[in-house]
Structures are given as C-alpha cells and as structure tokens.
Amino acid sequence: MNIEACTEAIRTKVGADSGLEATLKFDCGDDGVVFIDGKSAPNSVSNSNLDADCTVGITLENLNAMLAGDLEPATGFMMGKLKVTGDMSVAMRLQRVI
C-alpha cells in the first residue's frame, strides 16, 4: 500500500472515537506522514505534517506490516523497526487502535 492507502486503512480503524485522546503521527520519511487527531470529535486522520504528542518513525513497509497484523507495535519497537519520540504512553495506547 502507498501512504494514501495506509491513511485510509488507519482512518477505518480509528473511526469516530479511537480512545487515543491524543495526537499521533506516523512519519514514513520521504514516503509521507499519517496524522491521527484523537483529540478532535470525531477523530480525524490526514496526511498533514503537524506537531503531535507522539511521533512514530517507521518505514512504509513496516507500517503496512503493522496494518496487516504481521507486526505488533510493541514487537516492532523492541526490534528497532519503529522509533518513538514524544509521549510514550500515547504509543502504548496505539495497540488498541491499530
């Protein structure tokens, strides 16, 4: 999937109320970003490169694997496949959303 398809898949998973109660950004470098606004009602997902409470640095390939259920967020973090900056508690809540 390209970044637009990932954005749409995340939008479907997040729904109107993800329970995230924070902003989170997947930063895929040159491939783009996916920004989840879990503070707004309803929640929104876009490709806006805005400041977030938590930023997850991840390759587009690994983001696809996570969305397909082939890569658990915690496992990816421990394996160094994703880097978290900002509020780590937001990243921990990510498992409920993705």
N, C-alpha and C. Protein backbone atom coordinates (compact mmCIF):
# COMPACT_ATOMS: atom_id res chain seq x y z
N MET A 1 0.84 -1.19 0.00
CA MET A 1 0.00 0.00 0.00
C MET A 1 0.88 1.25 0.00
N ASN A 2 0.41 2.27 -0.67
CA ASN A 2 1.10 3.56 -0.61
C ASN A 2 0.58 4.33 0.62
N ILE A 3 1.11 5.52 0.82
CA ILE A 3 0.75 6.29 2.02
C ILE A 3 -0.73 6.63 2.05
N GLU A 4 -1.34 6.89 0.90
CA GLU A 4 -2.77 7.22 0.86
C GLU A 4 -3.62 6.01 1.27
N ALA A 5 -3.23 4.83 0.81
CA ALA A 5 -3.97 3.61 1.18
C ALA A 5 -3.80 3.31 2.67
N CYS A 6 -2.61 3.55 3.20
CA CYS A 6 -2.38 3.37 4.64
C CYS A 6 -3.24 4.35 5.44
N THR A 7 -3.31 5.59 4.96
CA THR A 7 -4.12 6.61 5.63
C THR A 7 -5.58 6.17 5.69
N GLU A 8 -6.08 5.66 4.59
CA GLU A 8 -7.48 5.21 4.54
C GLU A 8 -7.70 4.02 5.47
N ALA A 9 -6.75 3.09 5.51
CA ALA A 9 -6.87 1.93 6.40
C ALA A 9 -6.86 2.36 7.87
N ILE A 10 -6.01 3.32 8.20
CA ILE A 10 -5.94 3.81 9.58
C ILE A 10 -7.22 4.58 9.91
N ARG A 11 -7.74 5.36 8.96
CA ARG A 11 -8.98 6.11 9.17
C ARG A 11 -10.12 5.13 9.52
N THR A 12 -10.17 4.01 8.84
CA THR A 12 -11.20 3.00 9.10
C THR A 12 -11.03 2.40 10.50
N LYS A 13 -9.79 2.11 10.88
CA LYS A 13 -9.53 1.52 12.20
C LYS A 13 -9.81 2.51 13.33
N VAL A 14 -9.47 3.79 13.12
CA VAL A 14 -9.64 4.81 14.16
C VAL A 14 -11.11 5.09 14.41
N GLY A 15 -11.89 5.23 13.33
CA GLY A 15 -13.31 5.52 13.47
C GLY A 15 -13.55 6.90 14.07
N ALA A 16 -14.71 7.08 14.66
CA ALA A 16 -15.09 8.38 15.23
C ALA A 16 -14.46 8.63 16.59
N ASP A 17 -14.21 7.55 17.35
CA ASP A 17 -13.63 7.70 18.69
C ASP A 17 -12.69 6.54 18.97
N SER A 18 -11.40 6.79 18.78
CA SER A 18 -10.38 5.75 18.93
C SER A 18 -10.04 5.48 20.38
N GLY A 19 -10.35 6.43 21.27
CA GLY A 19 -9.92 6.31 22.66
C GLY A 19 -8.47 6.73 22.85
N LEU A 20 -7.85 7.22 21.79
CA LEU A 20 -6.45 7.64 21.85
C LEU A 20 -6.28 8.90 22.70
N GLU A 21 -7.22 9.83 22.57
CA GLU A 21 -7.24 11.08 23.34
C GLU A 21 -5.92 11.85 23.26
N ALA A 22 -5.28 11.77 22.09
CA ALA A 22 -4.02 12.47 21.85
C ALA A 22 -3.79 12.53 20.35
N THR A 23 -2.73 13.24 19.96
CA THR A 23 -2.36 13.26 18.54
C THR A 23 -1.15 12.37 18.35
N LEU A 24 -1.15 11.68 17.22
CA LEU A 24 -0.07 10.75 16.91
C LEU A 24 0.26 10.85 15.43
N LYS A 25 1.55 10.81 15.12
CA LYS A 25 1.97 10.91 13.73
C LYS A 25 2.86 9.73 13.38
N PHE A 26 2.55 9.05 12.28
CA PHE A 26 3.45 8.06 11.70
C PHE A 26 4.28 8.81 10.67
N ASP A 27 5.58 8.86 10.88
CA ASP A 27 6.48 9.55 9.96
C ASP A 27 7.24 8.51 9.14
N CYS A 28 6.88 8.42 7.87
CA CYS A 28 7.50 7.45 6.96
C CYS A 28 8.56 8.11 6.10
N GLY A 29 9.14 9.18 6.58
CA GLY A 29 10.21 9.86 5.84
C GLY A 29 9.72 10.42 4.52
N ASP A 30 10.45 10.10 3.45
CA ASP A 30 10.12 10.63 2.12
C ASP A 30 8.79 10.11 1.59
N ASP A 31 8.28 9.01 2.15
CA ASP A 31 7.01 8.45 1.70
C ASP A 31 5.81 9.23 2.24
N GLY A 32 6.01 10.06 3.27
CA GLY A 32 4.93 10.89 3.80
C GLY A 32 4.61 10.59 5.25
N VAL A 33 3.54 11.21 5.74
CA VAL A 33 3.11 11.06 7.13
C VAL A 33 1.63 10.73 7.19
N VAL A 34 1.25 10.10 8.30
CA VAL A 34 -0.16 9.89 8.62
C VAL A 34 -0.36 10.49 10.00
N PHE A 35 -1.26 11.46 10.10
CA PHE A 35 -1.51 12.18 11.35
C PHE A 35 -2.88 11.79 11.89
N ILE A 36 -2.90 11.29 13.14
CA ILE A 36 -4.15 10.92 13.79
C ILE A 36 -4.46 11.96 14.87
N ASP A 37 -5.60 12.62 14.74
CA ASP A 37 -6.04 13.57 15.75
C ASP A 37 -7.10 12.89 16.60
N GLY A 38 -6.66 12.29 17.69
CA GLY A 38 -7.56 11.60 18.60
C GLY A 38 -8.17 12.52 19.63
N LYS A 39 -7.84 13.83 19.56
CA LYS A 39 -8.42 14.80 20.49
C LYS A 39 -9.70 15.40 19.93
N SER A 40 -9.81 15.45 18.61
CA SER A 40 -11.00 16.04 17.99
C SER A 40 -12.17 15.08 18.05
N ALA A 41 -13.37 15.62 17.97
CA ALA A 41 -14.58 14.79 17.95
C ALA A 41 -15.36 15.13 16.71
N PRO A 42 -15.54 14.24 15.76
CA PRO A 42 -14.97 12.89 15.75
C PRO A 42 -13.46 12.93 15.46
N ASN A 43 -12.77 11.83 15.74
CA ASN A 43 -11.34 11.73 15.44
C ASN A 43 -11.13 11.90 13.94
N SER A 44 -9.95 12.38 13.57
CA SER A 44 -9.65 12.55 12.15
C SER A 44 -8.27 11.99 11.84
N VAL A 45 -8.10 11.58 10.59
CA VAL A 45 -6.83 11.04 10.10
C VAL A 45 -6.52 11.74 8.79
N SER A 46 -5.30 12.27 8.67
CA SER A 46 -4.93 13.00 7.45
C SER A 46 -3.45 12.77 7.15
N ASN A 47 -2.99 13.41 6.10
CA ASN A 47 -1.57 13.36 5.75
C ASN A 47 -0.88 14.68 6.09
N SER A 48 -1.47 15.44 7.01
CA SER A 48 -0.89 16.71 7.44
C SER A 48 0.33 16.46 8.30
N ASN A 49 1.39 17.19 8.02
CA ASN A 49 2.62 17.05 8.80
C ASN A 49 2.60 18.07 9.93
N LEU A 50 1.82 17.77 10.97
CA LEU A 50 1.65 18.66 12.12
C LEU A 50 2.41 18.12 13.32
N ASP A 51 2.63 18.99 14.32
CA ASP A 51 3.22 18.54 15.57
C ASP A 51 2.25 17.60 16.26
N ALA A 52 2.80 16.54 16.86
CA ALA A 52 1.96 15.53 17.53
C ALA A 52 2.48 15.26 18.92
N ASP A 53 1.59 14.75 19.79
CA ASP A 53 2.00 14.36 21.14
C ASP A 53 3.04 13.25 21.08
N CYS A 54 2.92 12.40 20.05
CA CYS A 54 3.80 11.26 19.88
C CYS A 54 4.07 11.06 18.39
N THR A 55 5.32 10.86 18.02
CA THR A 55 5.68 10.60 16.63
C THR A 55 6.33 9.23 16.55
N VAL A 56 5.86 8.43 15.61
CA VAL A 56 6.41 7.10 15.38
C VAL A 56 7.14 7.14 14.04
N GLY A 57 8.45 7.00 14.09
CA GLY A 57 9.25 6.91 12.88
C GLY A 57 9.23 5.46 12.40
N ILE A 58 8.76 5.24 11.18
CA ILE A 58 8.58 3.89 10.68
C ILE A 58 8.67 3.90 9.15
N THR A 59 9.16 2.81 8.57
CA THR A 59 9.17 2.74 7.10
C THR A 59 7.76 2.41 6.62
N LEU A 60 7.48 2.76 5.39
CA LEU A 60 6.17 2.46 4.81
C LEU A 60 5.95 0.95 4.78
N GLU A 61 6.99 0.20 4.52
CA GLU A 61 6.90 -1.27 4.51
C GLU A 61 6.48 -1.81 5.89
N ASN A 62 7.11 -1.30 6.95
CA ASN A 62 6.75 -1.75 8.30
C ASN A 62 5.37 -1.26 8.72
N LEU A 63 4.96 -0.08 8.27
CA LEU A 63 3.61 0.40 8.55
C LEU A 63 2.59 -0.53 7.90
N ASN A 64 2.85 -0.93 6.68
CA ASN A 64 1.98 -1.89 6.00
C ASN A 64 1.89 -3.20 6.77
N ALA A 65 3.03 -3.68 7.26
CA ALA A 65 3.06 -4.93 8.03
C ALA A 65 2.25 -4.79 9.32
N MET A 66 2.34 -3.62 9.96
CA MET A 66 1.59 -3.38 11.19
C MET A 66 0.09 -3.35 10.91
N LEU A 67 -0.30 -2.69 9.83
CA LEU A 67 -1.72 -2.62 9.48
C LEU A 67 -2.28 -3.98 9.08
N ALA A 68 -1.44 -4.83 8.52
CA ALA A 68 -1.88 -6.17 8.11
C ALA A 68 -1.89 -7.15 9.27
N GLY A 69 -1.38 -6.71 10.43
CA GLY A 69 -1.34 -7.59 11.60
C GLY A 69 -0.11 -8.47 11.64
N ASP A 70 0.84 -8.23 10.74
CA ASP A 70 2.06 -9.03 10.70
C ASP A 70 3.16 -8.49 11.61
N LEU A 71 2.97 -7.28 12.13
CA LEU A 71 3.95 -6.66 13.02
C LEU A 71 3.20 -5.98 14.17
N GLU A 72 3.40 -6.48 15.37
CA GLU A 72 2.80 -5.86 16.56
C GLU A 72 3.61 -4.60 16.91
N PRO A 73 2.94 -3.50 17.30
CA PRO A 73 3.68 -2.28 17.63
C PRO A 73 4.76 -2.48 18.69
N ALA A 74 4.47 -3.20 19.76
CA ALA A 74 5.46 -3.41 20.82
C ALA A 74 6.66 -4.21 20.31
N THR A 75 6.39 -5.22 19.51
CA THR A 75 7.45 -6.04 18.94
C THR A 75 8.31 -5.21 17.99
N GLY A 76 7.66 -4.40 17.16
CA GLY A 76 8.38 -3.54 16.24
C GLY A 76 9.29 -2.56 16.96
N PHE A 77 8.82 -2.05 18.09
CA PHE A 77 9.62 -1.13 18.89
C PHE A 77 10.85 -1.84 19.44
N MET A 78 10.64 -3.03 20.00
CA MET A 78 11.75 -3.79 20.59
C MET A 78 12.76 -4.23 19.54
N MET A 79 12.29 -4.46 18.32
CA MET A 79 13.19 -4.89 17.24
C MET A 79 13.84 -3.71 16.53
N GLY A 80 13.49 -2.49 16.92
CA GLY A 80 14.07 -1.30 16.31
C GLY A 80 13.47 -0.96 14.96
N LYS A 81 12.30 -1.54 14.65
CA LYS A 81 11.65 -1.26 13.37
C LYS A 81 10.84 0.02 13.41
N LEU A 82 10.64 0.56 14.61
CA LEU A 82 10.00 1.86 14.74
C LEU A 82 10.61 2.60 15.91
N LYS A 83 10.67 3.92 15.78
CA LYS A 83 11.23 4.77 16.83
C LYS A 83 10.14 5.69 17.32
N VAL A 84 10.04 5.81 18.63
CA VAL A 84 9.01 6.65 19.23
C VAL A 84 9.66 7.87 19.87
N THR A 85 9.14 9.05 19.52
CA THR A 85 9.56 10.27 20.18
C THR A 85 8.32 10.94 20.74
N GLY A 86 8.48 11.62 21.87
CA GLY A 86 7.34 12.28 22.50
C GLY A 86 6.76 11.40 23.60
N ASP A 87 5.46 11.47 23.76
CA ASP A 87 4.74 10.81 24.86
C ASP A 87 4.62 9.30 24.60
N MET A 88 5.41 8.53 25.33
CA MET A 88 5.42 7.08 25.16
C MET A 88 4.07 6.45 25.53
N SER A 89 3.33 7.06 26.44
CA SER A 89 2.03 6.49 26.83
C SER A 89 1.04 6.51 25.66
N VAL A 90 1.19 7.48 24.76
CA VAL A 90 0.34 7.53 23.56
C VAL A 90 0.68 6.34 22.67
N ALA A 91 1.97 6.07 22.53
CA ALA A 91 2.39 4.93 21.71
C ALA A 91 1.86 3.61 22.29
N MET A 92 1.80 3.50 23.60
CA MET A 92 1.28 2.29 24.24
C MET A 92 -0.21 2.11 23.93
N ARG A 93 -0.95 3.20 23.84
CA ARG A 93 -2.39 3.11 23.53
C ARG A 93 -2.63 2.78 22.06
N LEU A 94 -1.58 2.91 21.25
CA LEU A 94 -1.68 2.64 19.82
C LEU A 94 -2.14 1.21 19.55
N GLN A 95 -1.75 0.28 20.39
CA GLN A 95 -2.11 -1.13 20.18
C GLN A 95 -3.61 -1.34 20.16
N ARG A 96 -4.34 -0.51 20.88
CA ARG A 96 -5.82 -0.63 20.87
C ARG A 96 -6.40 -0.15 19.56
N VAL A 97 -5.70 0.77 18.89
CA VAL A 97 -6.22 1.37 17.66
C VAL A 97 -5.83 0.56 16.44
N ILE A 98 -4.58 0.20 16.35
CA ILE A 98 -4.06 -0.49 15.16
C ILE A 98 -4.12 -1.94 15.41
